[in-house]
Amino acid sequence: MTKNFMYDDFSDRLMISCNEGDVVGSLRFLNLNIDFLSGNKIANIELIKASSYLKSIGINPRILESLNQAKIMFKPCRNGYLIYFILKAGKNIERIPYNIQAIEKPLLIQ
């Protein structure tokens, strides 16, 4: 099984690859980059300043240093999107919420 995530402690970025294929567009929301495939499926997601974000919601960022699994759940919710980063390090599992509010449907950058 190939590893579908990477945490770079130097730049403090958590990257998760969800699907393979040609990226057709990208979105940037605050400290989150999302790449999309056709059909609005997520290809990749990147959380910038990941440790700072975890600290801000009361989660110990040291989990990022020993990750052995990372995935996301992404679903439309009210006027936006709800994203959960599911991080596993040994027996420790954290479900990290990230809420994006959108007044209009996001326009993909191509």
Protein backbone atom coordinates (compact mmCIF):
# COMPACT_ATOMS: atom_id res chain seq x y z
CA MET A 1 0.00 0.00 0.00
CA THR A 2 1.38 3.39 -0.94
CA LYS A 3 1.47 6.26 1.49
CA ASN A 4 -1.10 8.90 0.51
CA PHE A 5 0.02 11.67 2.85
CA MET A 6 3.06 13.67 3.87
CA TYR A 7 3.77 16.09 6.69
CA ASP A 8 6.66 18.48 6.08
CA ASP A 9 7.72 19.86 9.45
CA PHE A 10 10.03 22.46 7.86
CA SER A 11 7.18 24.19 6.01
CA ASP A 12 4.51 22.91 8.48
CA ARG A 13 2.31 21.52 5.71
CA LEU A 14 0.14 18.41 5.75
CA MET A 15 -0.61 17.07 2.27
CA ILE A 16 -3.09 14.27 1.57
CA SER A 17 -3.62 12.72 -1.85
CA CYS A 18 -7.12 11.35 -2.30
CA ASN A 19 -7.44 10.35 -5.96
CA GLU A 20 -5.22 9.89 -8.97
CA GLY A 21 -5.95 11.66 -12.20
CA ASP A 22 -5.55 14.96 -13.95
CA VAL A 23 -6.18 17.99 -11.76
CA VAL A 24 -8.58 20.38 -13.49
CA GLY A 25 -8.69 23.15 -10.89
CA SER A 26 -7.65 24.35 -7.46
CA LEU A 27 -9.18 26.37 -4.64
CA ARG A 28 -7.51 28.26 -1.82
CA PHE A 29 -9.43 28.93 1.41
CA LEU A 30 -7.36 30.70 4.07
CA ASN A 31 -4.71 28.06 4.94
CA LEU A 32 -6.19 25.24 2.82
CA ASN A 33 -5.39 24.31 -0.80
CA ILE A 34 -7.69 21.85 -2.58
CA ASP A 35 -7.03 20.32 -6.02
CA PHE A 36 -10.00 18.90 -7.95
CA LEU A 37 -10.48 16.30 -10.66
CA SER A 38 -13.28 16.54 -13.20
CA GLY A 39 -16.68 16.04 -11.59
CA ASN A 40 -15.54 18.12 -8.57
CA LYS A 41 -13.84 15.14 -6.91
CA ILE A 42 -10.97 16.04 -4.60
CA ALA A 43 -7.54 14.98 -5.85
CA ASN A 44 -5.31 16.51 -3.16
CA ILE A 45 -5.66 18.66 -0.09
CA GLU A 46 -2.98 20.66 1.73
CA LEU A 47 -3.25 22.21 5.18
CA ILE A 48 -0.75 25.08 5.52
CA LYS A 49 0.53 25.87 9.05
CA ALA A 50 -0.93 22.55 10.18
CA SER A 51 0.56 22.56 13.69
CA SER A 52 -0.72 26.09 14.35
CA TYR A 53 -4.20 25.07 13.22
CA LEU A 54 -4.18 22.02 15.51
CA LYS A 55 -3.03 24.14 18.47
CA SER A 56 -5.82 26.65 17.78
CA ILE A 57 -8.49 23.95 18.21
CA GLY A 58 -6.89 22.36 21.29
CA ILE A 59 -5.18 19.36 19.66
CA ASN A 60 -1.56 18.48 20.36
CA PRO A 61 0.30 19.04 17.07
CA ARG A 62 2.90 16.39 17.94
CA ILE A 63 0.58 13.87 16.27
CA LEU A 64 1.86 15.23 12.94
CA GLU A 65 5.39 13.99 13.68
CA SER A 66 4.39 10.33 13.96
CA LEU A 67 1.51 9.90 11.51
CA ASN A 68 1.02 6.46 10.02
CA GLN A 69 -2.33 7.21 8.36
CA ALA A 70 -4.18 10.34 7.18
CA LYS A 71 -7.38 10.73 5.20
CA ILE A 72 -10.19 13.21 4.76
CA MET A 73 -13.95 13.27 4.69
CA PHE A 74 -15.47 16.08 2.61
CA LYS A 75 -19.16 16.90 2.26
CA PRO A 76 -21.36 19.85 1.40
CA CYS A 77 -23.05 21.30 4.47
CA ARG A 78 -25.51 24.22 4.56
CA ASN A 79 -23.77 27.16 2.84
CA GLY A 80 -20.35 25.59 2.60
CA TYR A 81 -18.36 22.45 3.16
CA LEU A 82 -17.34 20.38 6.15
CA ILE A 83 -13.95 18.72 6.01
CA TYR A 84 -12.58 16.27 8.55
CA PHE A 85 -8.91 15.36 8.58
CA ILE A 86 -8.65 11.91 10.17
CA LEU A 87 -5.13 11.51 11.57
CA LYS A 88 -3.78 8.31 13.06
CA ALA A 89 -0.48 7.96 14.92
CA GLY A 90 -0.16 4.58 16.61
CA LYS A 91 -3.31 4.07 18.68
CA ASN A 92 -4.01 7.81 18.79
CA ILE A 93 -6.70 8.94 16.33
CA GLU A 94 -7.77 12.57 15.94
CA ARG A 95 -10.68 13.85 13.88
CA ILE A 96 -9.83 17.42 12.90
CA PRO A 97 -12.74 19.60 11.69
CA TYR A 98 -12.37 22.33 9.10
CA ASN A 99 -15.43 24.33 8.09
CA ILE A 100 -15.60 26.40 4.89
CA GLN A 101 -18.46 28.87 4.48
CA ALA A 102 -19.32 29.86 0.91
CA ILE A 103 -21.99 32.32 -0.17
CA GLU A 104 -21.69 31.16 -3.77
CA LYS A 105 -20.52 27.89 -5.28
CA PRO A 106 -16.70 28.11 -5.49
CA LEU A 107 -15.19 28.76 -8.90
CA LEU A 108 -12.38 26.37 -9.79
CA ILE A 109 -9.12 27.96 -10.93
CA GLN A 110 -7.93 26.26 -14.11
